[in-house]
C-alpha atoms as a PDB file:
ATOM      1  CA  MET A   1       0.101  -0.139   0.222  1.00  0.00           C
ATOM      2  CA  ILE A   2       1.339   3.536  -0.748  1.00  0.00           C
ATOM      3  CA  LYS A   3       1.071   6.138   1.414  1.00  0.00           C
ATOM      4  CA  ILE A   4       0.479   9.947  -0.276  1.00  0.00           C
ATOM      5  CA  GLU A   5       2.676  12.769   2.039  1.00  0.00           C
ATOM      6  CA  LYS A   6       0.935  15.417   0.540  1.00  0.00           C
ATOM      7  CA  LEU A   7      -2.056  17.143   2.143  1.00  0.00           C
ATOM      8  CA  SER A   8      -5.362  15.789   0.411  1.00  0.00           C
ATOM      9  CA  GLU A   9      -8.190  18.154   0.529  1.00  0.00           C
ATOM     10  CA  ILE A  10     -12.221  17.036   0.547  1.00  0.00           C
ATOM     11  CA  ALA A  11     -14.010  17.964  -2.343  1.00  0.00           C
ATOM     12  CA  TYR A  12     -17.007  16.683  -4.632  1.00  0.00           C
ATOM     13  CA  PHE A  13     -16.366  14.645  -7.599  1.00  0.00           C
ATOM     14  CA  ASN A  14     -18.584  14.092 -10.654  1.00  0.00           C
ATOM     15  CA  ILE A  15     -18.283  12.310 -14.177  1.00  0.00           C
ATOM     16  CA  GLY A  16     -20.952  13.570 -15.847  1.00  0.00           C
ATOM     17  CA  ASN A  17     -24.337  12.658 -14.086  1.00  0.00           C
ATOM     18  CA  THR A  18     -26.239  13.880 -11.120  1.00  0.00           C
ATOM     19  CA  GLU A  19     -23.951  12.337  -8.656  1.00  0.00           C
ATOM     20  CA  TYR A  20     -21.525  13.970  -6.564  1.00  0.00           C
ATOM     21  CA  TYR A  21     -19.136  11.732  -4.547  1.00  0.00           C
ATOM     22  CA  GLU A  22     -17.489  13.083  -1.436  1.00  0.00           C
ATOM     23  CA  GLY A  23     -13.576  12.259  -1.928  1.00  0.00           C
ATOM     24  CA  TYR A  24     -10.329  13.694  -1.554  1.00  0.00           C
ATOM     25  CA  HIS A  25      -7.255  15.192  -3.860  1.00  0.00           C
ATOM     26  CA  ILE A  26      -4.282  16.982  -4.042  1.00  0.00           C
ATOM     27  CA  LYS A  27      -5.626  20.405  -5.041  1.00  0.00           C
ATOM     28  CA  GLY A  28      -3.717  21.436  -8.253  1.00  0.00           C
ATOM     29  CA  LYS A  29      -2.853  17.965  -9.436  1.00  0.00           C
ATOM     30  CA  THR A  30      -4.903  16.903 -12.175  1.00  0.00           C
ATOM     31  CA  TRP A  31      -4.619  14.455 -14.840  1.00  0.00           C
ATOM     32  CA  ASN A  32      -5.022  15.948 -18.320  1.00  0.00           C
ATOM     33  CA  GLY A  33      -7.256  18.906 -16.773  1.00  0.00           C
ATOM     34  CA  TRP A  34      -9.205  16.496 -15.120  1.00  0.00           C
ATOM     35  CA  ALA A  35      -9.363  15.686 -11.251  1.00  0.00           C
ATOM     36  CA  MET A  36      -7.567  12.682  -9.350  1.00  0.00           C
ATOM     37  CA  PRO A  37     -10.006  11.489  -6.431  1.00  0.00           C
ATOM     38  CA  TYR A  38      -9.683   9.240  -3.950  1.00  0.00           C
ATOM     39  CA  PHE A  39     -12.424   7.601  -2.120  1.00  0.00           C
ATOM     40  CA  GLU A  40     -12.869   6.351   1.263  1.00  0.00           C
ATOM     41  CA  LYS A  41     -14.436   2.600   1.171  1.00  0.00           C
ATOM     42  CA  ARG A  42     -18.178   3.481   1.410  1.00  0.00           C
ATOM     43  CA  ILE A  43     -18.381   5.767  -1.223  1.00  0.00           C
ATOM     44  CA  ALA A  44     -15.825   3.361  -3.531  1.00  0.00           C
ATOM     45  CA  ASP A  45     -18.376   0.765  -2.827  1.00  0.00           C
ATOM     46  CA  LEU A  46     -21.538   3.144  -4.220  1.00  0.00           C
ATOM     47  CA  ILE A  47     -19.332   3.832  -7.435  1.00  0.00           C
ATOM     48  CA  LYS A  48     -18.573   0.186  -7.868  1.00  0.00           C
ATOM     49  CA  HIS A  49     -22.466  -0.218  -7.716  1.00  0.00           C
ATOM     50  CA  ASN A  50     -23.651   3.053  -9.502  1.00  0.00           C
ATOM     51  CA  PHE A  51     -21.227   2.531 -12.603  1.00  0.00           C
ATOM     52  CA  SER A  52     -21.283  -1.053 -13.108  1.00  0.00           C
ATOM     53  CA  SER A  53     -23.293  -2.584 -16.392  1.00  0.00           C
ATOM     54  CA  SER A  54     -22.943  -4.892 -18.876  1.00  0.00           C
ATOM     55  CA  ASN A  55     -20.090  -3.424 -20.829  1.00  0.00           C
ATOM     56  CA  PHE A  56     -18.692  -2.111 -17.766  1.00  0.00           C
ATOM     57  CA  GLN A  57     -17.617  -3.992 -14.640  1.00  0.00           C
ATOM     58  CA  ILE A  58     -16.313  -2.795 -11.180  1.00  0.00           C
ATOM     59  CA  VAL A  59     -15.378  -5.507  -8.603  1.00  0.00           C
ATOM     60  CA  TYR A  60     -13.976  -5.295  -5.592  1.00  0.00           C
ATOM     61  CA  ASP A  61     -11.097  -7.994  -4.902  1.00  0.00           C
ATOM     62  CA  LYS A  62     -10.773  -8.421  -0.911  1.00  0.00           C
ATOM     63  CA  TYR A  63      -7.432 -10.570  -1.447  1.00  0.00           C
ATOM     64  CA  THR A  64      -5.645  -7.399  -3.373  1.00  0.00           C
ATOM     65  CA  ASP A  65      -7.725  -4.734  -1.472  1.00  0.00           C
ATOM     66  CA  CYS A  66      -8.404  -3.043  -4.999  1.00  0.00           C
ATOM     67  CA  TYR A  67     -11.374  -2.620  -7.323  1.00  0.00           C
ATOM     68  CA  ILE A  68     -10.601  -3.888 -10.909  1.00  0.00           C
ATOM     69  CA  CYS A  69     -12.431  -1.992 -13.394  1.00  0.00           C
ATOM     70  CA  LYS A  70     -13.001  -3.953 -16.749  1.00  0.00           C
ATOM     71  CA  THR A  71     -14.617  -2.558 -20.021  1.00  0.00           C
ATOM     72  CA  ILE A  72     -16.346  -5.419 -21.896  1.00  0.00           C
ATOM     73  CA  GLU A  73     -16.368  -5.013 -25.800  1.00  0.00           C
ATOM     74  CA  ASN A  74     -18.216  -8.245 -27.760  1.00  0.00           C
ATOM     75  CA  ASP A  75     -18.178 -10.100 -24.864  1.00  0.00           C
ATOM     76  CA  LYS A  76     -14.469  -9.591 -24.323  1.00  0.00           C
ATOM     77  CA  VAL A  77     -12.598  -7.395 -21.735  1.00  0.00           C
ATOM     78  CA  SER A  78     -11.068  -5.012 -23.707  1.00  0.00           C
ATOM     79  CA  GLN A  79      -9.441  -3.093 -20.782  1.00  0.00           C
ATOM     80  CA  VAL A  80      -8.510  -3.472 -17.028  1.00  0.00           C
ATOM     81  CA  ASP A  81      -8.043  -0.784 -14.487  1.00  0.00           C
ATOM     82  CA  MET A  82      -7.365  -1.001 -10.787  1.00  0.00           C
ATOM     83  CA  ALA A  83      -8.324   1.496  -8.223  1.00  0.00           C
ATOM     84  CA  GLU A  84      -5.890   0.625  -5.760  1.00  0.00           C
ATOM     85  CA  LYS A  85      -5.674   1.423  -2.079  1.00  0.00           C
ATOM     86  CA  LYS A  86      -3.934   4.339  -0.765  1.00  0.00           C
ATOM     87  CA  ILE A  87      -3.120   6.251   2.583  1.00  0.00           C
ATOM     88  CA  ILE A  88      -3.633   9.936   2.217  1.00  0.00           C
ATOM     89  CA  ASN A  89      -3.056  12.621   4.830  1.00  0.00           C
ATOM     90  CA  THR A  90      -5.885  14.755   5.308  1.00  0.00           C
ATOM     91  CA  LYS A  91      -6.279  17.477   7.930  1.00  0.00           C
ATOM     92  CA  ASP A  92      -8.318  14.842   9.825  1.00  0.00           C
ATOM     93  CA  GLY A  93      -5.531  12.704   9.890  1.00  0.00           C
ATOM     94  CA  GLU A  94      -4.395   9.574   7.816  1.00  0.00           C
ATOM     95  CA  LYS A  95      -7.342   8.008   5.589  1.00  0.00           C
ATOM     96  CA  GLU A  96      -7.797   4.984   3.304  1.00  0.00           C
ATOM     97  CA  VAL A  97      -8.717   5.196   0.311  1.00  0.00           C
ATOM     98  CA  TYR A  98      -8.671   3.926  -3.386  1.00  0.00           C
ATOM     99  CA  ASP A  99      -7.514   5.513  -6.301  1.00  0.00           C
ATOM    100  CA  PHE A 100     -10.257   6.259  -8.639  1.00  0.00           C
ATOM    101  CA  GLY A 101      -8.265   9.282 -10.130  1.00  0.00           C
ATOM    102  CA  SER A 102      -5.370   7.222 -11.428  1.00  0.00           C
ATOM    103  CA  ILE A 103      -7.352   5.029 -14.010  1.00  0.00           C
ATOM    104  CA  GLY A 104      -8.074   7.763 -16.993  1.00  0.00           C
ATOM    105  CA  TRP A 105     -11.700   8.921 -16.046  1.00  0.00           C
ATOM    106  CA  THR A 106     -12.372  12.457 -16.250  1.00  0.00           C
ATOM    107  CA  TRP A 107     -13.843  13.900 -13.082  1.00  0.00           C
ATOM    108  CA  ASP A 108     -14.479  17.087 -12.165  1.00  0.00           C
ATOM    109  CA  SER A 109     -13.943  18.526  -8.710  1.00  0.00           C
ATOM    110  CA  TYR A 110     -16.349  20.857  -6.722  1.00  0.00           C
ATOM    111  CA  THR A 111     -16.185  22.566  -3.123  1.00  0.00           C
ATOM    112  CA  LEU A 112     -19.475  21.313  -1.217  1.00  0.00           C
ATOM    113  CA  ASP A 113     -20.813  25.028  -2.270  1.00  0.00           C
ATOM    114  CA  GLU A 114     -20.316  24.151  -5.643  1.00  0.00           C
ATOM    115  CA  ALA A 115     -21.824  20.922  -6.008  1.00  0.00           C
ATOM    116  CA  LYS A 116     -25.133  22.194  -4.180  1.00  0.00           C
ATOM    117  CA  GLU A 117     -25.463  25.101  -7.004  1.00  0.00           C
ATOM    118  CA  GLN A 118     -25.926  22.377  -9.763  1.00  0.00           C
ATOM    119  CA  TYR A 119     -28.930  21.490 -11.135  1.00  0.00           C
ATOM    120  CA  ASN A 120     -30.664  18.469  -9.716  1.00  0.00           C
ATOM    121  CA  ALA A 121     -27.356  17.581  -7.851  1.00  0.00           C
ATOM    122  CA  ASN A 122     -27.445  14.166  -5.609  1.00  0.00           C
ATOM    123  CA  ILE A 123     -24.477  14.965  -3.332  1.00  0.00           C
ATOM    124  CA  ILE A 124     -23.032  11.832  -1.503  1.00  0.00           C
ATOM    125  CA  LYS A 125     -21.358  12.055   1.626  1.00  0.00           C
ATOM    126  CA  ASN A 126     -18.705   9.344   3.268  1.00  0.00           C
ATOM    127  CA  LYS A 127     -21.140   9.684   6.390  1.00  0.00           C
ATOM    128  CA  LYS A 128     -24.880   9.025   6.249  1.00  0.00           C
ATOM    129  CA  GLU A 129     -26.000  12.305   7.880  1.00  0.00           C
ATOM    130  CA  LYS A 130     -27.416  11.503  11.228  1.00  0.00           C
ATOM    131  CA  GLU A 131     -31.133   9.927  11.370  1.00  0.00           C
ATOM    132  CA  GLU A 132     -33.727  12.260  13.141  1.00  0.00           C
ATOM    133  CA  LEU A 133     -34.909   9.973  16.115  1.00  0.00           C
ATOM    134  CA  ILE A 134     -38.777  10.007  16.392  1.00  0.00           C
ATOM    135  CA  ASP A 135     -40.593   9.354  19.648  1.00  0.00           C
ATOM    136  CA  LEU A 136     -43.333   6.914  18.831  1.00  0.00           C
ATOM    137  CA  ASP A 137     -44.583   6.521  22.312  1.00  0.00           C
ATOM    138  CA  TYR A 138     -48.296   7.646  22.831  1.00  0.00           C
END
């Protein structure tokens, strides 16, 4: 597992749909102008679920602790990428994350306020919001 020494900042990442996933990136570091996000396991699992289709599969491999992304054309795997586990430094300490930013996807990054301004934005945070307790005693 690789440790990233530079401080990673929280941001919200979008890849052309209505979901804005909470993750981290090193501010100013891009790939061909695109953001290079890291996601904690809960968000990575949601990405696996939301992006898998008959032409594209994402599977989590517990033995290598990474996400394997397979592009399928004519019933054959034409490309394989891996979102590997890394350790990054954040203002809240070290975090274990998966590197979805190094596999050539075209992510845009937003601050939380910028994401909220986007039309029909579905902002997906790493931690579930606290559920409001309802007193059912009569």
